[in-house]
Amino acid sequence: ETLTPDAIARVTIERPDAQTIEGVRAEGGWAIARPHELAAADPAWNRVASTLSGLKIERTIEEAPEDLSVYELADPRLRIAYFSQDGAEHAFAFGVADPTQRYRFASVNDGPVVLI
């Protein structure tokens, strides 16, 4: 099943060196819910939703990794969770780029290490 950007209702972005930001699709556009409630720039949040809906797992690297630090996933550089309109949550942790610099090591829903 393909996820469309319009199906994404909420996005949370966490970085270790910054405040967590949460955007919520509201009637008439997007709103920031965290760290403070305020109106959001719809084009920016629409791009975030579009990018998330287009993420593609290129391949699985390890089904049951023993050492996530190898991929910088023990303390990820970025965590993004999105919630679809039906309430399903999808959580991504992003680590270091792969040696080709084309993909990034990631974990989806705390599962296997993949290249995205």
PDB file of N, CA and C in Angstrom:
ATOM      1  N   GLU A   1       0.837  -1.175   0.000  1.00  0.00           N
ATOM      2  CA  GLU A   1       0.000   0.000   0.000  1.00  0.00           C
ATOM      3  C   GLU A   1       0.885   1.243   0.000  1.00  0.00           C
ATOM      4  N   THR A   2       0.575   2.177  -0.849  1.00  0.00           N
ATOM      5  CA  THR A   2       1.350   3.396  -0.965  1.00  0.00           C
ATOM      6  C   THR A   2       0.775   4.488  -0.070  1.00  0.00           C
ATOM      7  N   LEU A   3       1.642   5.139   0.669  1.00  0.00           N
ATOM      8  CA  LEU A   3       1.244   6.228   1.537  1.00  0.00           C
ATOM      9  C   LEU A   3       1.339   7.533   0.753  1.00  0.00           C
ATOM     10  N   THR A   4       0.304   8.322   0.792  1.00  0.00           N
ATOM     11  CA  THR A   4       0.336   9.627   0.136  1.00  0.00           C
ATOM     12  C   THR A   4       0.656  10.699   1.175  1.00  0.00           C
ATOM     13  N   PRO A   5       1.224  11.825   0.754  1.00  0.00           N
ATOM     14  CA  PRO A   5       1.518  12.897   1.718  1.00  0.00           C
ATOM     15  C   PRO A   5       0.278  13.358   2.482  1.00  0.00           C
ATOM     16  N   ASP A   6      -0.874  13.366   1.840  1.00  0.00           N
ATOM     17  CA  ASP A   6      -2.110  13.803   2.503  1.00  0.00           C
ATOM     18  C   ASP A   6      -2.553  12.861   3.615  1.00  0.00           C
ATOM     19  N   ALA A   7      -2.037  11.630   3.619  1.00  0.00           N
ATOM     20  CA  ALA A   7      -2.415  10.662   4.646  1.00  0.00           C
ATOM     21  C   ALA A   7      -1.636  10.873   5.941  1.00  0.00           C
ATOM     22  N   ILE A   8      -0.608  11.730   5.923  1.00  0.00           N
ATOM     23  CA  ILE A   8       0.196  11.980   7.111  1.00  0.00           C
ATOM     24  C   ILE A   8      -0.476  13.080   7.931  1.00  0.00           C
ATOM     25  N   ALA A   9      -0.809  12.743   9.177  1.00  0.00           N
ATOM     26  CA  ALA A   9      -1.547  13.670  10.034  1.00  0.00           C
ATOM     27  C   ALA A   9      -0.662  14.406  11.033  1.00  0.00           C
ATOM     28  N   ARG A  10       0.463  13.775  11.412  1.00  0.00           N
ATOM     29  CA  ARG A  10       1.322  14.372  12.432  1.00  0.00           C
ATOM     30  C   ARG A  10       2.748  13.903  12.216  1.00  0.00           C
ATOM     31  N   VAL A  11       3.709  14.791  12.440  1.00  0.00           N
ATOM     32  CA  VAL A  11       5.129  14.478  12.284  1.00  0.00           C
ATOM     33  C   VAL A  11       5.884  15.013  13.497  1.00  0.00           C
ATOM     34  N   THR A  12       6.758  14.178  14.060  1.00  0.00           N
ATOM     35  CA  THR A  12       7.631  14.592  15.154  1.00  0.00           C
ATOM     36  C   THR A  12       9.071  14.441  14.693  1.00  0.00           C
ATOM     37  N   ILE A  13       9.857  15.499  14.862  1.00  0.00           N
ATOM     38  CA  ILE A  13      11.264  15.507  14.450  1.00  0.00           C
ATOM     39  C   ILE A  13      12.112  15.765  15.685  1.00  0.00           C
ATOM     40  N   GLU A  14      13.034  14.824  15.979  1.00  0.00           N
ATOM     41  CA  GLU A  14      13.914  14.934  17.145  1.00  0.00           C
ATOM     42  C   GLU A  14      15.368  14.870  16.709  1.00  0.00           C
ATOM     43  N   ARG A  15      16.147  15.832  17.175  1.00  0.00           N
ATOM     44  CA  ARG A  15      17.593  15.819  16.987  1.00  0.00           C
ATOM     45  C   ARG A  15      18.230  15.992  18.350  1.00  0.00           C
ATOM     46  N   PRO A  16      19.368  15.343  18.595  1.00  0.00           N
ATOM     47  CA  PRO A  16      19.987  15.448  19.916  1.00  0.00           C
ATOM     48  C   PRO A  16      20.386  16.879  20.279  1.00  0.00           C
ATOM     49  N   ASP A  17      20.691  17.708  19.294  1.00  0.00           N
ATOM     50  CA  ASP A  17      21.200  19.055  19.555  1.00  0.00           C
ATOM     51  C   ASP A  17      20.146  20.152  19.393  1.00  0.00           C
ATOM     52  N   ALA A  18      18.879  19.775  19.335  1.00  0.00           N
ATOM     53  CA  ALA A  18      17.822  20.769  19.115  1.00  0.00           C
ATOM     54  C   ALA A  18      16.541  20.340  19.830  1.00  0.00           C
ATOM     55  N   GLN A  19      15.600  21.278  19.923  1.00  0.00           N
ATOM     56  CA  GLN A  19      14.309  20.951  20.513  1.00  0.00           C
ATOM     57  C   GLN A  19      13.521  20.054  19.569  1.00  0.00           C
ATOM     58  N   THR A  20      12.680  19.215  20.145  1.00  0.00           N
ATOM     59  CA  THR A  20      11.775  18.395  19.350  1.00  0.00           C
ATOM     60  C   THR A  20      10.701  19.295  18.751  1.00  0.00           C
ATOM     61  N   ILE A  21      10.429  19.062  17.483  1.00  0.00           N
ATOM     62  CA  ILE A  21       9.401  19.822  16.782  1.00  0.00           C
ATOM     63  C   ILE A  21       8.310  18.854  16.361  1.00  0.00           C
ATOM     64  N   GLU A  22       7.069  19.256  16.557  1.00  0.00           N
ATOM     65  CA  GLU A  22       5.941  18.435  16.147  1.00  0.00           C
ATOM     66  C   GLU A  22       4.990  19.278  15.312  1.00  0.00           C
ATOM     67  N   GLY A  23       4.706  18.786  14.128  1.00  0.00           N
ATOM     68  CA  GLY A  23       3.749  19.439  13.250  1.00  0.00           C
ATOM     69  C   GLY A  23       2.495  18.588  13.142  1.00  0.00           C
ATOM     70  N   VAL A  24       1.344  19.251  13.150  1.00  0.00           N
ATOM     71  CA  VAL A  24       0.063  18.561  13.081  1.00  0.00           C
ATOM     72  C   VAL A  24      -0.744  19.142  11.932  1.00  0.00           C
ATOM     73  N   ARG A  25      -1.279  18.254  11.116  1.00  0.00           N
ATOM     74  CA  ARG A  25      -2.149  18.708  10.032  1.00  0.00           C
ATOM     75  C   ARG A  25      -3.480  19.116  10.649  1.00  0.00           C
ATOM     76  N   ALA A  26      -3.816  20.366  10.500  1.00  0.00           N
ATOM     77  CA  ALA A  26      -5.053  20.900  11.055  1.00  0.00           C
ATOM     78  C   ALA A  26      -5.960  21.306   9.900  1.00  0.00           C
ATOM     79  N   GLU A  27      -7.176  21.595  10.236  1.00  0.00           N
ATOM     80  CA  GLU A  27      -8.100  22.064   9.207  1.00  0.00           C
ATOM     81  C   GLU A  27      -7.542  23.361   8.628  1.00  0.00           C
ATOM     82  N   GLY A  28      -7.342  23.378   7.331  1.00  0.00           N
ATOM     83  CA  GLY A  28      -6.810  24.561   6.687  1.00  0.00           C
ATOM     84  C   GLY A  28      -5.302  24.593   6.574  1.00  0.00           C
ATOM     85  N   GLY A  29      -4.595  23.585   7.056  1.00  0.00           N
ATOM     86  CA  GLY A  29      -3.140  23.564   6.919  1.00  0.00           C
ATOM     87  C   GLY A  29      -2.450  22.895   8.083  1.00  0.00           C
ATOM     88  N   TRP A  30      -1.181  23.213   8.248  1.00  0.00           N
ATOM     89  CA  TRP A  30      -0.367  22.635   9.302  1.00  0.00           C
ATOM     90  C   TRP A  30      -0.245  23.609  10.465  1.00  0.00           C
ATOM     91  N   ALA A  31      -0.024  23.058  11.655  1.00  0.00           N
ATOM     92  CA  ALA A  31       0.235  23.854  12.853  1.00  0.00           C
ATOM     93  C   ALA A  31       1.380  23.202  13.611  1.00  0.00           C
ATOM     94  N   ILE A  32       2.151  24.002  14.317  1.00  0.00           N
ATOM     95  CA  ILE A  32       3.196  23.490  15.196  1.00  0.00           C
ATOM     96  C   ILE A  32       2.530  23.201  16.542  1.00  0.00           C
ATOM     97  N   ALA A  33       2.737  21.991  17.056  1.00  0.00           N
ATOM     98  CA  ALA A  33       2.169  21.606  18.349  1.00  0.00           C
ATOM     99  C   ALA A  33       3.228  21.635  19.448  1.00  0.00           C
ATOM    100  N   ARG A  34       4.478  21.460  19.059  1.00  0.00           N
ATOM    101  CA  ARG A  34       5.572  21.418  20.018  1.00  0.00           C
ATOM    102  C   ARG A  34       6.808  21.979  19.358  1.00  0.00           C
ATOM    103  N   PRO A  35       7.632  22.777  19.968  1.00  0.00           N
ATOM    104  CA  PRO A  35       7.683  23.082  21.380  1.00  0.00           C
ATOM    105  C   PRO A  35       6.666  24.129  21.821  1.00  0.00           C
ATOM    106  N   HIS A  36       6.124  24.896  20.883  1.00  0.00           N
ATOM    107  CA  HIS A  36       5.100  25.891  21.197  1.00  0.00           C
ATOM    108  C   HIS A  36       4.016  25.785  20.141  1.00  0.00           C
ATOM    109  N   GLU A  37       2.802  26.058  20.515  1.00  0.00           N
ATOM    110  CA  GLU A  37       1.714  26.036  19.546  1.00  0.00           C
ATOM    111  C   GLU A  37       1.733  27.320  18.739  1.00  0.00           C
ATOM    112  N   LEU A  38       1.787  27.156  17.412  1.00  0.00           N
ATOM    113  CA  LEU A  38       1.746  28.298  16.514  1.00  0.00           C
ATOM    114  C   LEU A  38       1.467  27.830  15.095  1.00  0.00           C
ATOM    115  N   ALA A  39       1.138  28.767  14.244  1.00  0.00           N
ATOM    116  CA  ALA A  39       0.878  28.428  12.845  1.00  0.00           C
ATOM    117  C   ALA A  39       2.176  27.948  12.202  1.00  0.00           C
ATOM    118  N   ALA A  40       2.061  27.092  11.224  1.00  0.00           N
ATOM    119  CA  ALA A  40       3.236  26.547  10.545  1.00  0.00           C
ATOM    120  C   ALA A  40       3.254  26.992   9.096  1.00  0.00           C
ATOM    121  N   ALA A  41       4.425  26.909   8.494  1.00  0.00           N
ATOM    122  CA  ALA A  41       4.573  27.200   7.071  1.00  0.00           C
ATOM    123  C   ALA A  41       4.113  25.961   6.300  1.00  0.00           C
ATOM    124  N   ASP A  42       2.915  26.027   5.748  1.00  0.00           N
ATOM    125  CA  ASP A  42       2.348  24.867   5.049  1.00  0.00           C
ATOM    126  C   ASP A  42       3.268  24.296   3.975  1.00  0.00           C
ATOM    127  N   PRO A  43       3.897  25.117   3.115  1.00  0.00           N
ATOM    128  CA  PRO A  43       4.755  24.526   2.084  1.00  0.00           C
ATOM    129  C   PRO A  43       5.891  23.683   2.666  1.00  0.00           C
ATOM    130  N   ALA A  44       6.479  24.139   3.759  1.00  0.00           N
ATOM    131  CA  ALA A  44       7.569  23.380   4.374  1.00  0.00           C
ATOM    132  C   ALA A  44       7.078  22.048   4.923  1.00  0.00           C
ATOM    133  N   TRP A  45       5.960  22.057   5.654  1.00  0.00           N
ATOM    134  CA  TRP A  45       5.438  20.819   6.230  1.00  0.00           C
ATOM    135  C   TRP A  45       4.870  19.906   5.143  1.00  0.00           C
ATOM    136  N   ASN A  46       4.351  20.472   4.069  1.00  0.00           N
ATOM    137  CA  ASN A  46       3.904  19.633   2.948  1.00  0.00           C
ATOM    138  C   ASN A  46       5.097  18.926   2.316  1.00  0.00           C
ATOM    139  N   ARG A  47       6.261  19.608   2.249  1.00  0.00           N
ATOM    140  CA  ARG A  47       7.474  18.958   1.719  1.00  0.00           C
ATOM    141  C   ARG A  47       7.931  17.843   2.650  1.00  0.00           C
ATOM    142  N   VAL A  48       7.839  18.079   3.955  1.00  0.00           N
ATOM    143  CA  VAL A  48       8.205  17.033   4.923  1.00  0.00           C
ATOM    144  C   VAL A  48       7.314  15.812   4.703  1.00  0.00           C
ATOM    145  N   ALA A  49       6.010  16.022   4.606  1.00  0.00           N
ATOM    146  CA  ALA A  49       5.075  14.904   4.394  1.00  0.00           C
ATOM    147  C   ALA A  49       5.357  14.201   3.079  1.00  0.00           C
ATOM    148  N   SER A  50       5.664  14.963   2.046  1.00  0.00           N
ATOM    149  CA  SER A  50       5.963  14.379   0.738  1.00  0.00           C
ATOM    150  C   SER A  50       7.238  13.533   0.796  1.00  0.00           C
ATOM    151  N   THR A  51       8.262  14.060   1.466  1.00  0.00           N
ATOM    152  CA  THR A  51       9.519  13.319   1.596  1.00  0.00           C
ATOM    153  C   THR A  51       9.305  12.035   2.388  1.00  0.00           C
ATOM    154  N   LEU A  52       8.588  12.118   3.498  1.00  0.00           N
ATOM    155  CA  LEU A  52       8.343  10.925   4.311  1.00  0.00           C
ATOM    156  C   LEU A  52       7.551   9.880   3.545  1.00  0.00           C
ATOM    157  N   SER A  53       6.553  10.305   2.804  1.00  0.00           N
ATOM    158  CA  SER A  53       5.740   9.333   2.062  1.00  0.00           C
ATOM    159  C   SER A  53       6.539   8.683   0.933  1.00  0.00           C
ATOM    160  N   GLY A  54       7.635   9.328   0.524  1.00  0.00           N
ATOM    161  CA  GLY A  54       8.446   8.781  -0.557  1.00  0.00           C
ATOM    162  C   GLY A  54       9.680   8.024  -0.107  1.00  0.00           C
ATOM    163  N   LEU A  55       9.896   7.904   1.219  1.00  0.00           N
ATOM    164  CA  LEU A  55      11.066   7.161   1.685  1.00  0.00           C
ATOM    165  C   LEU A  55      11.005   5.721   1.198  1.00  0.00           C
ATOM    166  N   LYS A  56      12.147   5.242   0.762  1.00  0.00           N
ATOM    167  CA  LYS A  56      12.202   3.892   0.219  1.00  0.00           C
ATOM    168  C   LYS A  56      13.361   3.132   0.854  1.00  0.00           C
ATOM    169  N   ILE A  57      13.067   1.945   1.326  1.00  0.00           N
ATOM    170  CA  ILE A  57      14.121   1.081   1.859  1.00  0.00           C
ATOM    171  C   ILE A  57      14.821   0.442   0.672  1.00  0.00           C
ATOM    172  N   GLU A  58      16.105   0.751   0.524  1.00  0.00           N
ATOM    173  CA  GLU A  58      16.887   0.212  -0.589  1.00  0.00           C
ATOM    174  C   GLU A  58      17.245  -1.250  -0.363  1.00  0.00           C
ATOM    175  N   ARG A  59      17.658  -1.548   0.886  1.00  0.00           N
ATOM    176  CA  ARG A  59      17.929  -2.943   1.233  1.00  0.00           C
ATOM    177  C   ARG A  59      18.124  -3.078   2.727  1.00  0.00           C
ATOM    178  N   THR A  60      17.964  -4.294   3.202  1.00  0.00           N
ATOM    179  CA  THR A  60      18.169  -4.598   4.614  1.00  0.00           C
ATOM    180  C   THR A  60      19.633  -4.954   4.817  1.00  0.00           C
ATOM    181  N   ILE A  61      20.238  -4.369   5.845  1.00  0.00           N
ATOM    182  CA  ILE A  61      21.648  -4.623   6.150  1.00  0.00           C
ATOM    183  C   ILE A  61      21.776  -5.713   7.208  1.00  0.00           C
ATOM    184  N   GLU A  62      21.030  -5.587   8.318  1.00  0.00           N
ATOM    185  CA  GLU A  62      21.056  -6.576   9.392  1.00  0.00           C
ATOM    186  C   GLU A  62      19.667  -6.730   9.968  1.00  0.00           C
ATOM    187  N   GLU A  63      19.190  -7.963  10.032  1.00  0.00           N
ATOM    188  CA  GLU A  63      17.864  -8.236  10.592  1.00  0.00           C
ATOM    189  C   GLU A  63      17.819  -8.024  12.099  1.00  0.00           C
ATOM    190  N   ALA A  64      18.856  -8.500  12.793  1.00  0.00           N
ATOM    191  CA  ALA A  64      18.900  -8.396  14.256  1.00  0.00           C
ATOM    192  C   ALA A  64      20.275  -7.881  14.675  1.00  0.00           C
ATOM    193  N   PRO A  65      20.510  -6.596  14.522  1.00  0.00           N
ATOM    194  CA  PRO A  65      21.843  -6.052  14.818  1.00  0.00           C
ATOM    195  C   PRO A  65      22.173  -6.141  16.299  1.00  0.00           C
ATOM    196  N   GLU A  66      23.418  -6.525  16.594  1.00  0.00           N
ATOM    197  CA  GLU A  66      23.871  -6.603  17.981  1.00  0.00           C
ATOM    198  C   GLU A  66      24.490  -5.294  18.433  1.00  0.00           C
ATOM    199  N   ASP A  67      25.095  -4.550  17.497  1.00  0.00           N
ATOM    200  CA  ASP A  67      25.780  -3.309  17.851  1.00  0.00           C
ATOM    201  C   ASP A  67      25.307  -2.183  16.937  1.00  0.00           C
ATOM    202  N   LEU A  68      24.334  -1.412  17.425  1.00  0.00           N
ATOM    203  CA  LEU A  68      23.791  -0.307  16.633  1.00  0.00           C
ATOM    204  C   LEU A  68      24.762   0.858  16.502  1.00  0.00           C
ATOM    205  N   SER A  69      25.771   0.918  17.378  1.00  0.00           N
ATOM    206  CA  SER A  69      26.714   2.036  17.326  1.00  0.00           C
ATOM    207  C   SER A  69      27.522   2.040  16.027  1.00  0.00           C
ATOM    208  N   VAL A  70      27.692   0.881  15.406  1.00  0.00           N
ATOM    209  CA  VAL A  70      28.407   0.791  14.126  1.00  0.00           C
ATOM    210  C   VAL A  70      27.738   1.684  13.077  1.00  0.00           C
ATOM    211  N   TYR A  71      26.456   1.807  13.140  1.00  0.00           N
ATOM    212  CA  TYR A  71      25.668   2.584  12.179  1.00  0.00           C
ATOM    213  C   TYR A  71      25.260   3.951  12.741  1.00  0.00           C
ATOM    214  N   GLU A  72      25.766   4.270  13.942  1.00  0.00           N
ATOM    215  CA  GLU A  72      25.383   5.470  14.687  1.00  0.00           C
ATOM    216  C   GLU A  72      23.876   5.505  14.943  1.00  0.00           C
ATOM    217  N   LEU A  73      23.334   4.327  15.229  1.00  0.00           N
ATOM    218  CA  LEU A  73      21.907   4.210  15.543  1.00  0.00           C
ATOM    219  C   LEU A  73      21.649   3.990  17.030  1.00  0.00           C
ATOM    220  N   ALA A  74      22.723   3.791  17.827  1.00  0.00           N
ATOM    221  CA  ALA A  74      22.539   3.684  19.272  1.00  0.00           C
ATOM    222  C   ALA A  74      22.094   5.042  19.815  1.00  0.00           C
ATOM    223  N   ASP A  75      22.672   6.099  19.281  1.00  0.00           N
ATOM    224  CA  ASP A  75      22.281   7.484  19.568  1.00  0.00           C
ATOM    225  C   ASP A  75      22.093   8.162  18.215  1.00  0.00           C
ATOM    226  N   PRO A  76      20.934   7.976  17.594  1.00  0.00           N
ATOM    227  CA  PRO A  76      20.743   8.448  16.215  1.00  0.00           C
ATOM    228  C   PRO A  76      20.901   9.954  16.056  1.00  0.00           C
ATOM    229  N   ARG A  77      21.330  10.344  14.873  1.00  0.00           N
ATOM    230  CA  ARG A  77      21.474  11.757  14.530  1.00  0.00           C
ATOM    231  C   ARG A  77      20.117  12.431  14.375  1.00  0.00           C
ATOM    232  N   LEU A  78      19.129  11.627  14.030  1.00  0.00           N
ATOM    233  CA  LEU A  78      17.801  12.169  13.755  1.00  0.00           C
ATOM    234  C   LEU A  78      16.764  11.080  13.978  1.00  0.00           C
ATOM    235  N   ARG A  79      15.666  11.456  14.614  1.00  0.00           N
ATOM    236  CA  ARG A  79      14.510  10.559  14.759  1.00  0.00           C
ATOM    237  C   ARG A  79      13.307  11.296  14.187  1.00  0.00           C
ATOM    238  N   ILE A  80      12.576  10.593  13.353  1.00  0.00           N
ATOM    239  CA  ILE A  80      11.352  11.155  12.796  1.00  0.00           C
ATOM    240  C   ILE A  80      10.255  10.118  12.948  1.00  0.00           C
ATOM    241  N   ALA A  81       9.146  10.545  13.495  1.00  0.00           N
ATOM    242  CA  ALA A  81       7.967   9.678  13.580  1.00  0.00           C
ATOM    243  C   ALA A  81       6.835  10.393  12.875  1.00  0.00           C
ATOM    244  N   TYR A  82       6.057   9.617  12.148  1.00  0.00           N
ATOM    245  CA  TYR A  82       4.857  10.215  11.576  1.00  0.00           C
ATOM    246  C   TYR A  82       3.684   9.297  11.839  1.00  0.00           C
ATOM    247  N   PHE A  83       2.539   9.920  11.907  1.00  0.00           N
ATOM    248  CA  PHE A  83       1.307   9.218  12.209  1.00  0.00           C
ATOM    249  C   PHE A  83       0.360   9.456  11.051  1.00  0.00           C
ATOM    250  N   SER A  84      -0.175   8.386  10.509  1.00  0.00           N
ATOM    251  CA  SER A  84      -1.102   8.525   9.395  1.00  0.00           C
ATOM    252  C   SER A  84      -2.498   8.841   9.920  1.00  0.00           C
ATOM    253  N   GLN A  85      -3.369   9.221   9.025  1.00  0.00           N
ATOM    254  CA  GLN A  85      -4.737   9.599   9.396  1.00  0.00           C
ATOM    255  C   GLN A  85      -5.452   8.469  10.144  1.00  0.00           C
ATOM    256  N   ASP A  86      -5.072   7.209   9.849  1.00  0.00           N
ATOM    257  CA  ASP A  86      -5.718   6.071  10.515  1.00  0.00           C
ATOM    258  C   ASP A  86      -5.096   5.755  11.876  1.00  0.00           C
ATOM    259  N   GLY A  87      -4.093   6.572  12.312  1.00  0.00           N
ATOM    260  CA  GLY A  87      -3.490   6.401  13.621  1.00  0.00           C
ATOM    261  C   GLY A  87      -2.248   5.545  13.651  1.00  0.00           C
ATOM    262  N   ALA A  88      -1.855   4.945  12.531  1.00  0.00           N
ATOM    263  CA  ALA A  88      -0.658   4.108  12.506  1.00  0.00           C
ATOM    264  C   ALA A  88       0.596   4.966  12.661  1.00  0.00           C
ATOM    265  N   GLU A  89       1.529   4.493  13.502  1.00  0.00           N
ATOM    266  CA  GLU A  89       2.779   5.218  13.719  1.00  0.00           C
ATOM    267  C   GLU A  89       3.906   4.543  12.955  1.00  0.00           C
ATOM    268  N   HIS A  90       4.771   5.365  12.378  1.00  0.00           N
ATOM    269  CA  HIS A  90       5.958   4.897  11.674  1.00  0.00           C
ATOM    270  C   HIS A  90       7.121   5.717  12.213  1.00  0.00           C
ATOM    271  N   ALA A  91       8.107   5.049  12.800  1.00  0.00           N
ATOM    272  CA  ALA A  91       9.225   5.746  13.423  1.00  0.00           C
ATOM    273  C   ALA A  91      10.532   5.372  12.737  1.00  0.00           C
ATOM    274  N   PHE A  92      11.312   6.388  12.422  1.00  0.00           N
ATOM    275  CA  PHE A  92      12.596   6.207  11.756  1.00  0.00           C
ATOM    276  C   PHE A  92      13.697   6.775  12.637  1.00  0.00           C
ATOM    277  N   ALA A  93      14.790   6.038  12.766  1.00  0.00           N
ATOM    278  CA  ALA A  93      16.008   6.541  13.390  1.00  0.00           C
ATOM    279  C   ALA A  93      17.068   6.531  12.296  1.00  0.00           C
ATOM    280  N   PHE A  94      17.745   7.661  12.129  1.00  0.00           N
ATOM    281  CA  PHE A  94      18.737   7.787  11.066  1.00  0.00           C
ATOM    282  C   PHE A  94      20.127   7.904  11.664  1.00  0.00           C
ATOM    283  N   GLY A  95      21.050   7.111  11.111  1.00  0.00           N
ATOM    284  CA  GLY A  95      22.436   7.131  11.555  1.00  0.00           C
ATOM    285  C   GLY A  95      23.337   7.745  10.507  1.00  0.00           C
ATOM    286  N   VAL A  96      24.504   7.191  10.403  1.00  0.00           N
ATOM    287  CA  VAL A  96      25.536   7.686   9.504  1.00  0.00           C
ATOM    288  C   VAL A  96      25.211   7.313   8.049  1.00  0.00           C
ATOM    289  N   ALA A  97      25.785   8.072   7.119  1.00  0.00           N
ATOM    290  CA  ALA A  97      25.635   7.748   5.699  1.00  0.00           C
ATOM    291  C   ALA A  97      26.449   6.493   5.381  1.00  0.00           C
ATOM    292  N   ASP A  98      26.004   5.751   4.372  1.00  0.00           N
ATOM    293  CA  ASP A  98      26.743   4.560   3.957  1.00  0.00           C
ATOM    294  C   ASP A  98      28.015   4.991   3.225  1.00  0.00           C
ATOM    295  N   PRO A  99      28.947   4.063   2.954  1.00  0.00           N
ATOM    296  CA  PRO A  99      30.206   4.446   2.305  1.00  0.00           C
ATOM    297  C   PRO A  99      30.036   5.130   0.943  1.00  0.00           C
ATOM    298  N   THR A 100      28.967   4.856   0.238  1.00  0.00           N
ATOM    299  CA  THR A 100      28.769   5.509  -1.073  1.00  0.00           C
ATOM    300  C   THR A 100      28.250   6.934  -0.929  1.00  0.00           C
ATOM    301  N   GLN A 101      27.790   7.289   0.274  1.00  0.00           N
ATOM    302  CA  GLN A 101      27.201   8.602   0.559  1.00  0.00           C
ATOM    303  C   GLN A 101      25.881   8.831  -0.180  1.00  0.00           C
ATOM    304  N   ARG A 102      25.285   7.777  -0.733  1.00  0.00           N
ATOM    305  CA  ARG A 102      24.007   7.889  -1.439  1.00  0.00           C
ATOM    306  C   ARG A 102      22.827   7.564  -0.521  1.00  0.00           C
ATOM    307  N   TYR A 103      23.087   6.754   0.489  1.00  0.00           N
ATOM    308  CA  TYR A 103      22.022   6.298   1.373  1.00  0.00           C
ATOM    309  C   TYR A 103      22.429   6.534   2.816  1.00  0.00           C
ATOM    310  N   ARG A 104      21.480   6.340   3.703  1.00  0.00           N
ATOM    311  CA  ARG A 104      21.747   6.503   5.133  1.00  0.00           C
ATOM    312  C   ARG A 104      21.271   5.238   5.847  1.00  0.00           C
ATOM    313  N   PHE A 105      22.076   4.802   6.825  1.00  0.00           N
ATOM    314  CA  PHE A 105      21.651   3.685   7.658  1.00  0.00           C
ATOM    315  C   PHE A 105      20.492   4.157   8.526  1.00  0.00           C
ATOM    316  N   ALA A 106      19.493   3.315   8.664  1.00  0.00           N
ATOM    317  CA  ALA A 106      18.311   3.683   9.434  1.00  0.00           C
ATOM    318  C   ALA A 106      17.699   2.441  10.053  1.00  0.00           C
ATOM    319  N   SER A 107      16.852   2.707  11.018  1.00  0.00           N
ATOM    320  CA  SER A 107      16.046   1.663  11.619  1.00  0.00           C
ATOM    321  C   SER A 107      14.600   2.134  11.545  1.00  0.00           C
ATOM    322  N   VAL A 108      13.725   1.258  11.116  1.00  0.00           N
ATOM    323  CA  VAL A 108      12.314   1.608  10.984  1.00  0.00           C
ATOM    324  C   VAL A 108      11.535   0.851  12.055  1.00  0.00           C
ATOM    325  N   ASN A 109      10.834   1.594  12.887  1.00  0.00           N
ATOM    326  CA  ASN A 109      10.051   1.001  13.981  1.00  0.00           C
ATOM    327  C   ASN A 109      10.897   0.063  14.846  1.00  0.00           C
ATOM    328  N   ASP A 110      12.128   0.499  15.135  1.00  0.00           N
ATOM    329  CA  ASP A 110      13.081  -0.278  15.960  1.00  0.00           C
ATOM    330  C   ASP A 110      13.324  -1.677  15.407  1.00  0.00           C
ATOM    331  N   GLY A 111      13.225  -1.816  14.116  1.00  0.00           N
ATOM    332  CA  GLY A 111      13.439  -3.106  13.464  1.00  0.00           C
ATOM    333  C   GLY A 111      14.850  -3.246  12.940  1.00  0.00           C
ATOM    334  N   PRO A 112      14.997  -3.959  11.840  1.00  0.00           N
ATOM    335  CA  PRO A 112      16.322  -4.203  11.277  1.00  0.00           C
ATOM    336  C   PRO A 112      16.988  -2.910  10.797  1.00  0.00           C
ATOM    337  N   VAL A 113      18.313  -2.978  10.628  1.00  0.00           N
ATOM    338  CA  VAL A 113      19.052  -1.862  10.045  1.00  0.00           C
ATOM    339  C   VAL A 113      18.879  -1.944   8.535  1.00  0.00           C
ATOM    340  N   VAL A 114      18.499  -0.832   7.957  1.00  0.00           N
ATOM    341  CA  VAL A 114      18.253  -0.764   6.508  1.00  0.00           C
ATOM    342  C   VAL A 114      19.002   0.421   5.920  1.00  0.00           C
ATOM    343  N   LEU A 115      19.074   0.458   4.610  1.00  0.00           N
ATOM    344  CA  LEU A 115      19.552   1.640   3.903  1.00  0.00           C
ATOM    345  C   LEU A 115      18.360   2.355   3.334  1.00  0.00           C
ATOM    346  N   ILE A 116      18.275   3.651   3.614  1.00  0.00           N
ATOM    347  CA  ILE A 116      17.190   4.481   3.074  1.00  0.00           C
ATOM    348  C   ILE A 116      17.822   5.537   2.208  1.00  0.00           C
TER     349      ILE A 116
END
